[in-house]
Every structure is written in structure tokens, then in C-alpha cells.
Amino acid sequence: MFKLSVILMLSCMAKVVSLTTTEETKLSEVFPMDNGKVTYSETVECGNITQAELFRRSRLWITQAVSDNKVLLADKDTGDMVSTGIVTVVLPRSEHSAGGIYNFRYNIVIECVNRKYRATISHIEIQEPNSKNTPVESFTMQSEKNQTELYTELDKKLKELQVSLQQGVKEYRAF
């Protein structure tokens, strides 16, 4: 009897592990992953721009381009900046989908040093009405097709954010 209980428990655990691996595989087909978490990170060379100027440009970009931003850290001596923001994804209504508007909160860390910056977007959570935020890694929808469409649009928006940062910092136009 004890052996049967152990075998049943181990088989259930194996199913949970395989489900988690399957979900992570689905996420990694759309998003860049780091230790099981959705994480966008890029390092950009900026020629001979000083750390102070990179930091200034990054700070300006965050205040102008990031919707609903909250600057959590802005240390000009180290060149580090941390902020949160919101990106909105709109799925159109169709025959097979109710569509919807989804808001995702994320953290962005910008590190400026040695004439380059590294920007990391992580801790991406969907803001659900009347509940706590849910990490994108554990968010599920009823329709797998809708979820894939939502993930694809979110990926597109976060990549656009990276491009906007690069334009705002590297290709900054002085007045």
C-alpha cells in the first residue's frame, strides 16, 4: 500500500514538472527567457558619449517615453536607473475572440558605464482588475490561440520599447 502511494505521488509530481516545462517552452517560443523568467536585455555601444550624458539621456527618455513611469532609483554617480512602466496590448474582437485591453507593468533597469548602456526589462506582470498583478509566466487565458496572440503583441511592444530607448539615448538630437 505504501509503495502504491509513493508511485502515485511520484507520477503526479512528474506530470506537474512536465506541465511546467511545457509552459516554459511555450513562453520561450515567443519571449527571451532568463532562469524561467521573461527578460529582455541588451547592451548598446554609444560611441564616445560620457556616462553622465548617457544617464541624462536615459532619464529624459524614461520621463518622456515610458507611460505611467515611476522612477525608483536614479543614481547619476553610478549611472544606474530603475523605473516601472506600463505597456498596453489591445486584442481586436473577432468571431473567435472577445478581444480586450491588457495592461502589463514591467521594471526597466538602465546601467550607464564606459560609453555604453545596458537596458533590462523584467518582472512583467499583467494588471488584472480587482486582484493582484499576475506574472506573465503564470498568466493563462481560456484560449491558447488568444494567449499566443497576446504574447506576440506584448513581445512586439517590448521590442518597440527597446528600439525607442536606443533612439532616445544613442541617436539623441541636441537642440
N, C-alpha and C. Protein backbone atom coordinates (compact mmCIF):
# COMPACT_ATOMS: atom_id res chain seq x y z
N MET A 1 0.82 -1.19 0.00
CA MET A 1 0.00 0.00 0.00
C MET A 1 0.87 1.26 0.00
N PHE A 2 1.90 1.24 0.83
CA PHE A 2 2.80 2.39 0.90
C PHE A 2 3.50 2.60 -0.44
N LYS A 3 3.94 1.50 -1.08
CA LYS A 3 4.62 1.61 -2.38
C LYS A 3 3.68 2.21 -3.42
N LEU A 4 2.43 1.80 -3.41
CA LEU A 4 1.45 2.33 -4.35
C LEU A 4 1.27 3.84 -4.15
N SER A 5 1.22 4.29 -2.91
CA SER A 5 1.07 5.72 -2.61
C SER A 5 2.28 6.50 -3.13
N VAL A 6 3.46 5.95 -2.92
CA VAL A 6 4.68 6.62 -3.37
C VAL A 6 4.70 6.70 -4.90
N ILE A 7 4.33 5.62 -5.56
CA ILE A 7 4.31 5.61 -7.03
C ILE A 7 3.31 6.63 -7.56
N LEU A 8 2.13 6.69 -6.98
CA LEU A 8 1.12 7.67 -7.40
C LEU A 8 1.62 9.09 -7.18
N MET A 9 2.24 9.34 -6.04
CA MET A 9 2.75 10.68 -5.74
C MET A 9 3.85 11.06 -6.73
N LEU A 10 4.75 10.16 -7.03
CA LEU A 10 5.84 10.45 -7.97
C LEU A 10 5.30 10.68 -9.38
N SER A 11 4.30 9.92 -9.79
CA SER A 11 3.75 10.13 -11.14
C SER A 11 3.04 11.48 -11.22
N CYS A 12 2.36 11.89 -10.15
CA CYS A 12 1.72 13.21 -10.15
C CYS A 12 2.76 14.31 -10.20
N MET A 13 3.85 14.14 -9.46
CA MET A 13 4.92 15.14 -9.47
C MET A 13 5.54 15.23 -10.86
N ALA A 14 5.71 14.11 -11.54
CA ALA A 14 6.27 14.12 -12.89
C ALA A 14 5.35 14.88 -13.85
N LYS A 15 4.04 14.74 -13.69
CA LYS A 15 3.10 15.47 -14.54
C LYS A 15 3.20 16.97 -14.28
N VAL A 16 3.35 17.38 -13.03
CA VAL A 16 3.47 18.80 -12.70
C VAL A 16 4.74 19.36 -13.32
N VAL A 17 5.85 18.63 -13.21
CA VAL A 17 7.11 19.07 -13.78
C VAL A 17 6.99 19.19 -15.30
N SER A 18 6.35 18.22 -15.95
CA SER A 18 6.22 18.28 -17.40
C SER A 18 5.31 19.43 -17.83
N LEU A 19 4.27 19.72 -17.05
CA LEU A 19 3.42 20.86 -17.38
C LEU A 19 4.19 22.16 -17.27
N THR A 20 4.99 22.29 -16.20
CA THR A 20 5.78 23.50 -16.02
C THR A 20 6.77 23.65 -17.16
N THR A 21 7.42 22.58 -17.55
CA THR A 21 8.37 22.63 -18.65
C THR A 21 7.66 22.98 -19.95
N THR A 22 6.46 22.44 -20.17
CA THR A 22 5.70 22.74 -21.37
C THR A 22 5.32 24.22 -21.41
N GLU A 23 4.86 24.77 -20.29
CA GLU A 23 4.50 26.19 -20.24
C GLU A 23 5.73 27.06 -20.50
N GLU A 24 6.86 26.67 -19.92
CA GLU A 24 8.08 27.44 -20.13
C GLU A 24 8.52 27.37 -21.59
N THR A 25 8.34 26.23 -22.23
CA THR A 25 8.68 26.08 -23.64
C THR A 25 7.81 26.98 -24.49
N LYS A 26 6.51 27.05 -24.19
CA LYS A 26 5.60 27.93 -24.93
C LYS A 26 6.04 29.38 -24.79
N LEU A 27 6.39 29.78 -23.58
CA LEU A 27 6.85 31.15 -23.35
C LEU A 27 8.13 31.43 -24.11
N SER A 28 9.07 30.49 -24.08
CA SER A 28 10.37 30.72 -24.73
C SER A 28 10.26 30.75 -26.25
N GLU A 29 9.16 30.26 -26.81
CA GLU A 29 8.94 30.37 -28.25
C GLU A 29 8.66 31.81 -28.66
N VAL A 30 8.16 32.61 -27.73
CA VAL A 30 7.82 34.00 -28.02
C VAL A 30 8.78 34.98 -27.34
N PHE A 31 9.08 34.74 -26.08
CA PHE A 31 9.86 35.68 -25.27
C PHE A 31 11.28 35.20 -25.03
N PRO A 32 12.21 36.16 -24.83
CA PRO A 32 13.53 35.77 -24.34
C PRO A 32 13.41 35.41 -22.86
N MET A 33 14.02 34.32 -22.46
CA MET A 33 13.89 33.84 -21.09
C MET A 33 15.26 33.83 -20.40
N ASP A 34 15.23 34.08 -19.08
CA ASP A 34 16.42 34.00 -18.24
C ASP A 34 16.00 33.39 -16.91
N ASN A 35 16.47 32.18 -16.65
CA ASN A 35 16.11 31.46 -15.42
C ASN A 35 14.59 31.32 -15.24
N GLY A 36 13.90 31.01 -16.32
CA GLY A 36 12.46 30.79 -16.26
C GLY A 36 11.62 32.04 -16.20
N LYS A 37 12.24 33.21 -16.35
CA LYS A 37 11.52 34.49 -16.30
C LYS A 37 11.69 35.22 -17.63
N VAL A 38 10.64 35.91 -18.06
CA VAL A 38 10.71 36.71 -19.28
C VAL A 38 11.61 37.90 -19.00
N THR A 39 12.69 38.04 -19.78
CA THR A 39 13.66 39.11 -19.56
C THR A 39 14.22 39.57 -20.90
N TYR A 40 14.12 40.87 -21.15
CA TYR A 40 14.71 41.48 -22.34
C TYR A 40 15.95 42.23 -21.86
N SER A 41 17.08 41.97 -22.47
CA SER A 41 18.30 42.67 -22.07
C SER A 41 19.15 42.93 -23.30
N GLU A 42 19.68 44.15 -23.38
CA GLU A 42 20.57 44.46 -24.48
C GLU A 42 21.59 45.49 -24.00
N THR A 43 22.80 45.36 -24.54
CA THR A 43 23.87 46.31 -24.28
C THR A 43 24.14 47.05 -25.58
N VAL A 44 24.18 48.39 -25.49
CA VAL A 44 24.32 49.22 -26.69
C VAL A 44 25.54 50.12 -26.55
N GLU A 45 26.45 50.00 -27.52
CA GLU A 45 27.61 50.89 -27.59
C GLU A 45 27.15 52.24 -28.10
N CYS A 46 27.64 53.32 -27.49
CA CYS A 46 27.17 54.66 -27.85
C CYS A 46 28.31 55.59 -28.25
N GLY A 47 29.38 55.06 -28.82
CA GLY A 47 30.48 55.90 -29.27
C GLY A 47 31.24 56.51 -28.11
N ASN A 48 31.49 57.81 -28.19
CA ASN A 48 32.28 58.45 -27.14
C ASN A 48 31.42 59.37 -26.26
N ILE A 49 30.21 58.93 -25.94
CA ILE A 49 29.32 59.68 -25.07
C ILE A 49 29.68 59.35 -23.62
N THR A 50 29.80 60.37 -22.79
CA THR A 50 30.19 60.16 -21.40
C THR A 50 29.08 59.48 -20.62
N GLN A 51 29.45 58.91 -19.47
CA GLN A 51 28.48 58.25 -18.60
C GLN A 51 27.42 59.24 -18.13
N ALA A 52 27.84 60.45 -17.78
CA ALA A 52 26.89 61.46 -17.31
C ALA A 52 25.88 61.81 -18.40
N GLU A 53 26.34 61.92 -19.64
CA GLU A 53 25.44 62.24 -20.75
C GLU A 53 24.50 61.08 -21.05
N LEU A 54 25.01 59.84 -21.00
CA LEU A 54 24.15 58.66 -21.20
C LEU A 54 23.06 58.62 -20.14
N PHE A 55 23.45 58.89 -18.90
CA PHE A 55 22.49 58.88 -17.80
C PHE A 55 21.43 59.96 -18.02
N ARG A 56 21.85 61.15 -18.42
CA ARG A 56 20.92 62.26 -18.67
C ARG A 56 19.93 61.89 -19.78
N ARG A 57 20.44 61.32 -20.87
CA ARG A 57 19.57 60.93 -21.99
C ARG A 57 18.60 59.83 -21.58
N SER A 58 19.08 58.88 -20.79
CA SER A 58 18.21 57.79 -20.30
C SER A 58 17.10 58.35 -19.42
N ARG A 59 17.45 59.26 -18.54
CA ARG A 59 16.47 59.86 -17.64
C ARG A 59 15.42 60.64 -18.44
N LEU A 60 15.86 61.39 -19.44
CA LEU A 60 14.92 62.11 -20.30
C LEU A 60 14.01 61.15 -21.04
N TRP A 61 14.58 60.08 -21.57
CA TRP A 61 13.78 59.10 -22.31
C TRP A 61 12.71 58.50 -21.40
N ILE A 62 13.08 58.11 -20.19
CA ILE A 62 12.11 57.49 -19.27
C ILE A 62 10.96 58.45 -18.98
N THR A 63 11.27 59.71 -18.72
CA THR A 63 10.21 60.65 -18.37
C THR A 63 9.31 60.97 -19.56
N GLN A 64 9.83 60.85 -20.77
CA GLN A 64 9.04 61.19 -21.95
C GLN A 64 8.37 59.99 -22.62
N ALA A 65 9.00 58.83 -22.59
CA ALA A 65 8.53 57.71 -23.41
C ALA A 65 7.83 56.60 -22.62
N VAL A 66 8.07 56.50 -21.33
CA VAL A 66 7.51 55.40 -20.56
C VAL A 66 6.19 55.86 -19.94
N SER A 67 5.10 55.18 -20.34
CA SER A 67 3.80 55.59 -19.80
C SER A 67 3.66 55.12 -18.36
N ASP A 68 3.08 55.98 -17.55
CA ASP A 68 2.86 55.71 -16.13
C ASP A 68 4.15 55.31 -15.42
N ASN A 69 5.25 56.02 -15.75
CA ASN A 69 6.53 55.65 -15.16
C ASN A 69 6.63 56.10 -13.72
N LYS A 70 7.35 55.31 -12.95
CA LYS A 70 7.69 55.64 -11.58
C LYS A 70 9.18 55.36 -11.45
N VAL A 71 9.97 56.41 -11.32
CA VAL A 71 11.41 56.23 -11.17
C VAL A 71 11.68 55.77 -9.74
N LEU A 72 12.26 54.58 -9.61
CA LEU A 72 12.55 54.01 -8.30
C LEU A 72 13.96 54.33 -7.83
N LEU A 73 14.87 54.50 -8.80
CA LEU A 73 16.27 54.79 -8.49
C LEU A 73 16.85 55.58 -9.64
N ALA A 74 17.58 56.64 -9.32
CA ALA A 74 18.27 57.43 -10.33
C ALA A 74 19.57 57.93 -9.69
N ASP A 75 20.64 57.17 -9.87
CA ASP A 75 21.93 57.49 -9.26
C ASP A 75 22.90 57.92 -10.35
N LYS A 76 23.10 59.23 -10.49
CA LYS A 76 23.96 59.73 -11.56
C LYS A 76 25.42 59.37 -11.35
N ASP A 77 25.84 59.13 -10.09
CA ASP A 77 27.23 58.77 -9.83
C ASP A 77 27.57 57.38 -10.36
N THR A 78 26.67 56.43 -10.17
CA THR A 78 26.91 55.07 -10.68
C THR A 78 26.37 54.88 -12.08
N GLY A 79 25.46 55.77 -12.51
CA GLY A 79 24.85 55.65 -13.84
C GLY A 79 23.69 54.68 -13.87
N ASP A 80 23.14 54.33 -12.71
CA ASP A 80 22.07 53.35 -12.62
C ASP A 80 20.71 54.03 -12.48
N MET A 81 19.73 53.48 -13.19
CA MET A 81 18.37 53.97 -13.11
C MET A 81 17.42 52.78 -13.15
N VAL A 82 16.40 52.83 -12.29
CA VAL A 82 15.38 51.80 -12.25
C VAL A 82 14.03 52.50 -12.29
N SER A 83 13.15 52.01 -13.14
CA SER A 83 11.82 52.59 -13.27
C SER A 83 10.82 51.48 -13.56
N THR A 84 9.56 51.80 -13.34
CA THR A 84 8.49 50.89 -13.75
C THR A 84 7.67 51.61 -14.82
N GLY A 85 6.99 50.85 -15.60
CA GLY A 85 6.14 51.42 -16.64
C GLY A 85 5.02 50.46 -16.99
N ILE A 86 4.15 50.92 -17.85
CA ILE A 86 3.02 50.10 -18.30
C ILE A 86 2.99 50.09 -19.82
N VAL A 87 2.78 48.92 -20.37
CA VAL A 87 2.58 48.78 -21.81
C VAL A 87 1.18 48.17 -21.99
N THR A 88 0.44 48.70 -22.94
CA THR A 88 -0.92 48.25 -23.18
C THR A 88 -0.99 47.46 -24.48
N VAL A 89 -1.64 46.31 -24.42
CA VAL A 89 -1.84 45.46 -25.60
C VAL A 89 -3.34 45.38 -25.85
N VAL A 90 -3.74 45.68 -27.07
CA VAL A 90 -5.15 45.61 -27.45
C VAL A 90 -5.32 44.47 -28.43
N LEU A 91 -6.16 43.52 -28.04
CA LEU A 91 -6.50 42.42 -28.95
C LEU A 91 -7.85 42.75 -29.57
N PRO A 92 -7.94 42.75 -30.89
CA PRO A 92 -9.22 43.09 -31.54
C PRO A 92 -10.26 41.99 -31.35
N ARG A 93 -11.49 42.40 -31.36
CA ARG A 93 -12.60 41.46 -31.27
C ARG A 93 -12.76 40.76 -32.61
N SER A 94 -13.05 39.46 -32.56
CA SER A 94 -13.27 38.70 -33.80
C SER A 94 -14.34 37.66 -33.54
N GLU A 95 -14.61 36.83 -34.55
CA GLU A 95 -15.60 35.75 -34.40
C GLU A 95 -15.23 34.81 -33.27
N HIS A 96 -13.94 34.55 -33.12
CA HIS A 96 -13.49 33.54 -32.18
C HIS A 96 -12.90 34.12 -30.91
N SER A 97 -12.86 35.44 -30.79
CA SER A 97 -12.24 36.07 -29.64
C SER A 97 -13.03 37.29 -29.19
N ALA A 98 -13.14 37.43 -27.88
CA ALA A 98 -13.82 38.60 -27.33
C ALA A 98 -12.91 39.82 -27.37
N GLY A 99 -11.63 39.61 -27.63
CA GLY A 99 -10.68 40.71 -27.66
C GLY A 99 -10.45 41.23 -26.25
N GLY A 100 -9.90 42.42 -26.16
CA GLY A 100 -9.71 43.01 -24.85
C GLY A 100 -8.52 43.94 -24.81
N ILE A 101 -8.43 44.67 -23.71
CA ILE A 101 -7.32 45.58 -23.46
C ILE A 101 -6.59 45.04 -22.24
N TYR A 102 -5.29 44.81 -22.39
CA TYR A 102 -4.47 44.23 -21.34
C TYR A 102 -3.32 45.17 -21.01
N ASN A 103 -3.18 45.48 -19.73
CA ASN A 103 -2.08 46.34 -19.27
C ASN A 103 -1.04 45.49 -18.57
N PHE A 104 0.22 45.67 -18.96
CA PHE A 104 1.32 44.94 -18.36
C PHE A 104 2.27 45.93 -17.69
N ARG A 105 2.57 45.71 -16.42
CA ARG A 105 3.55 46.51 -15.70
C ARG A 105 4.89 45.78 -15.81
N TYR A 106 5.95 46.56 -15.96
CA TYR A 106 7.30 45.98 -16.07
C TYR A 106 8.29 46.88 -15.34
N ASN A 107 9.44 46.31 -15.03
CA ASN A 107 10.57 47.07 -14.49
C ASN A 107 11.59 47.24 -15.60
N ILE A 108 12.22 48.40 -15.64
CA ILE A 108 13.32 48.61 -16.57
C ILE A 108 14.51 49.13 -15.77
N VAL A 109 15.64 48.48 -15.96
CA VAL A 109 16.89 48.87 -15.32
C VAL A 109 17.83 49.32 -16.42
N ILE A 110 18.36 50.54 -16.28
CA ILE A 110 19.32 51.06 -17.25
C ILE A 110 20.62 51.34 -16.50
N GLU A 111 21.70 50.71 -16.98
CA GLU A 111 23.02 50.90 -16.38
C GLU A 111 23.92 51.57 -17.42
N CYS A 112 24.42 52.75 -17.08
CA CYS A 112 25.27 53.52 -17.99
C CYS A 112 26.71 53.46 -17.49
N VAL A 113 27.62 53.00 -18.35
CA VAL A 113 29.03 52.93 -17.98
C VAL A 113 29.88 52.72 -19.24
N ASN A 114 31.09 53.28 -19.23
CA ASN A 114 32.07 53.06 -20.30
C ASN A 114 31.51 53.28 -21.71
N ARG A 115 30.81 54.36 -21.92
CA ARG A 115 30.29 54.75 -23.23
C ARG A 115 29.28 53.75 -23.82
N LYS A 116 28.61 53.03 -22.93
CA LYS A 116 27.54 52.12 -23.36
C LYS A 116 26.51 52.03 -22.25
N TYR A 117 25.37 51.49 -22.60
CA TYR A 117 24.36 51.25 -21.58
C TYR A 117 23.80 49.84 -21.76
N ARG A 118 23.32 49.29 -20.65
CA ARG A 118 22.63 48.01 -20.67
C ARG A 118 21.23 48.26 -20.14
N ALA A 119 20.24 47.87 -20.91
CA ALA A 119 18.84 48.02 -20.51
C ALA A 119 18.23 46.63 -20.33
N THR A 120 17.60 46.42 -19.19
CA THR A 120 16.97 45.14 -18.89
C THR A 120 15.51 45.38 -18.51
N ILE A 121 14.63 44.75 -19.25
CA ILE A 121 13.19 44.82 -18.96
C ILE A 121 12.80 43.46 -18.38
N SER A 122 12.24 43.49 -17.17
CA SER A 122 11.89 42.24 -16.49
C SER A 122 10.72 42.47 -15.53
N HIS A 123 10.40 41.44 -14.76
CA HIS A 123 9.29 41.48 -13.80
C HIS A 123 8.01 41.98 -14.48
N ILE A 124 7.66 41.31 -15.56
CA ILE A 124 6.49 41.71 -16.36
C ILE A 124 5.26 41.03 -15.77
N GLU A 125 4.28 41.85 -15.41
CA GLU A 125 3.06 41.35 -14.78
C GLU A 125 1.84 41.94 -15.46
N ILE A 126 0.81 41.13 -15.59
CA ILE A 126 -0.45 41.65 -16.13
C ILE A 126 -1.24 42.24 -14.97
N GLN A 127 -1.82 43.40 -15.21
CA GLN A 127 -2.66 44.04 -14.20
C GLN A 127 -4.09 43.58 -14.42
N GLU A 128 -4.57 42.80 -13.47
CA GLU A 128 -5.93 42.29 -13.58
C GLU A 128 -6.86 43.10 -12.69
N PRO A 129 -8.07 43.37 -13.15
CA PRO A 129 -8.99 44.15 -12.32
C PRO A 129 -9.35 43.41 -11.03
N ASN A 130 -9.40 44.16 -9.95
CA ASN A 130 -9.81 43.65 -8.64
C ASN A 130 -8.99 42.47 -8.14
N SER A 131 -7.73 42.40 -8.54
CA SER A 131 -6.87 41.34 -8.00
C SER A 131 -5.43 41.81 -8.07
N LYS A 132 -4.57 40.97 -7.55
CA LYS A 132 -3.15 41.30 -7.60
C LYS A 132 -2.63 41.12 -9.02
N ASN A 133 -1.49 41.74 -9.29
CA ASN A 133 -0.85 41.55 -10.59
C ASN A 133 -0.38 40.11 -10.71
N THR A 134 -0.45 39.57 -11.92
CA THR A 134 -0.04 38.19 -12.17
C THR A 134 1.18 38.18 -13.08
N PRO A 135 2.26 37.50 -12.68
CA PRO A 135 3.43 37.43 -13.57
C PRO A 135 3.05 36.81 -14.91
N VAL A 136 3.63 37.34 -15.99
CA VAL A 136 3.30 36.86 -17.33
C VAL A 136 3.61 35.37 -17.45
N GLU A 137 4.57 34.89 -16.69
CA GLU A 137 4.94 33.47 -16.77
C GLU A 137 3.83 32.55 -16.26
N SER A 138 2.95 33.05 -15.39
CA SER A 138 1.89 32.19 -14.86
C SER A 138 0.48 32.61 -15.30
N PHE A 139 0.40 33.60 -16.19
CA PHE A 139 -0.90 34.05 -16.69
C PHE A 139 -1.40 33.10 -17.77
N THR A 140 -2.66 32.71 -17.68
CA THR A 140 -3.25 31.85 -18.71
C THR A 140 -4.61 32.40 -19.12
N MET A 141 -4.93 32.16 -20.38
CA MET A 141 -6.23 32.52 -20.92
C MET A 141 -6.96 31.24 -21.28
N GLN A 142 -8.26 31.36 -21.51
CA GLN A 142 -9.04 30.17 -21.87
C GLN A 142 -8.63 29.62 -23.22
N SER A 143 -8.32 30.49 -24.15
CA SER A 143 -7.96 30.05 -25.49
C SER A 143 -6.44 30.16 -25.69
N GLU A 144 -5.84 29.07 -26.08
CA GLU A 144 -4.39 29.07 -26.32
C GLU A 144 -4.04 29.99 -27.50
N LYS A 145 -4.91 30.05 -28.49
CA LYS A 145 -4.68 30.92 -29.65
C LYS A 145 -4.67 32.39 -29.21
N ASN A 146 -5.63 32.78 -28.37
CA ASN A 146 -5.67 34.15 -27.86
C ASN A 146 -4.44 34.47 -27.03
N GLN A 147 -4.01 33.51 -26.23
CA GLN A 147 -2.84 33.72 -25.39
C GLN A 147 -1.59 33.90 -26.25
N THR A 148 -1.44 33.10 -27.29
CA THR A 148 -0.31 33.25 -28.20
C THR A 148 -0.35 34.61 -28.89
N GLU A 149 -1.54 35.03 -29.29
CA GLU A 149 -1.69 36.35 -29.92
C GLU A 149 -1.31 37.46 -28.94
N LEU A 150 -1.74 37.32 -27.68
CA LEU A 150 -1.42 38.30 -26.65
C LEU A 150 0.09 38.34 -26.41
N TYR A 151 0.71 37.17 -26.30
CA TYR A 151 2.17 37.10 -26.10
C TYR A 151 2.91 37.74 -27.27
N THR A 152 2.46 37.48 -28.48
CA THR A 152 3.13 38.02 -29.67
C THR A 152 3.05 39.54 -29.68
N GLU A 153 1.88 40.08 -29.37
CA GLU A 153 1.72 41.54 -29.32
C GLU A 153 2.54 42.16 -28.20
N LEU A 154 2.58 41.51 -27.04
CA LEU A 154 3.38 42.01 -25.92
C LEU A 154 4.86 42.02 -26.29
N ASP A 155 5.33 40.95 -26.91
CA ASP A 155 6.72 40.88 -27.36
C ASP A 155 7.04 42.02 -28.32
N LYS A 156 6.13 42.28 -29.25
CA LYS A 156 6.31 43.36 -30.22
C LYS A 156 6.41 44.71 -29.50
N LYS A 157 5.53 44.96 -28.53
CA LYS A 157 5.54 46.23 -27.79
C LYS A 157 6.83 46.41 -26.98
N LEU A 158 7.32 45.34 -26.36
CA LEU A 158 8.53 45.45 -25.55
C LEU A 158 9.77 45.64 -26.43
N LYS A 159 9.77 45.04 -27.61
CA LYS A 159 10.87 45.28 -28.56
C LYS A 159 10.82 46.72 -29.08
N GLU A 160 9.62 47.25 -29.31
CA GLU A 160 9.49 48.65 -29.71
C GLU A 160 10.02 49.57 -28.62
N LEU A 161 9.81 49.20 -27.37
CA LEU A 161 10.32 49.97 -26.24
C LEU A 161 11.85 50.01 -26.27
N GLN A 162 12.47 48.86 -26.56
CA GLN A 162 13.94 48.81 -26.66
C GLN A 162 14.45 49.70 -27.79
N VAL A 163 13.78 49.66 -28.93
CA VAL A 163 14.17 50.49 -30.07
C VAL A 163 14.01 51.97 -29.72
N SER A 164 12.93 52.31 -29.06
CA SER A 164 12.69 53.70 -28.65
C SER A 164 13.79 54.18 -27.70
N LEU A 165 14.19 53.33 -26.77
CA LEU A 165 15.28 53.69 -25.86
C LEU A 165 16.57 53.94 -26.62
N GLN A 166 16.88 53.06 -27.56
CA GLN A 166 18.10 53.23 -28.34
C GLN A 166 18.07 54.54 -29.13
N GLN A 167 16.94 54.86 -29.72
CA GLN A 167 16.81 56.12 -30.45
C GLN A 167 16.91 57.31 -29.51
N GLY A 168 16.31 57.19 -28.33
CA GLY A 168 16.32 58.29 -27.38
C GLY A 168 17.68 58.54 -26.75
N VAL A 169 18.49 57.50 -26.63
CA VAL A 169 19.81 57.64 -25.98
C VAL A 169 20.92 57.76 -27.00
N LYS A 170 21.04 56.78 -27.85
CA LYS A 170 22.17 56.76 -28.81
C LYS A 170 22.03 57.80 -29.89
N GLU A 171 20.81 57.98 -30.37
CA GLU A 171 20.58 58.87 -31.51
C GLU A 171 19.93 60.19 -31.06
N TYR A 172 20.21 60.60 -29.82
CA TYR A 172 19.66 61.82 -29.24
C TYR A 172 20.09 63.03 -30.08
N ARG A 173 19.13 63.91 -30.34
CA ARG A 173 19.42 65.11 -31.12
C ARG A 173 19.41 66.32 -30.18
N ALA A 174 20.59 66.91 -30.04
CA ALA A 174 20.71 68.10 -29.18
C ALA A 174 20.01 69.28 -29.83
N PHE A 175 19.56 70.20 -29.02
CA PHE A 175 18.88 71.38 -29.58
C PHE A 175 19.86 72.50 -29.81
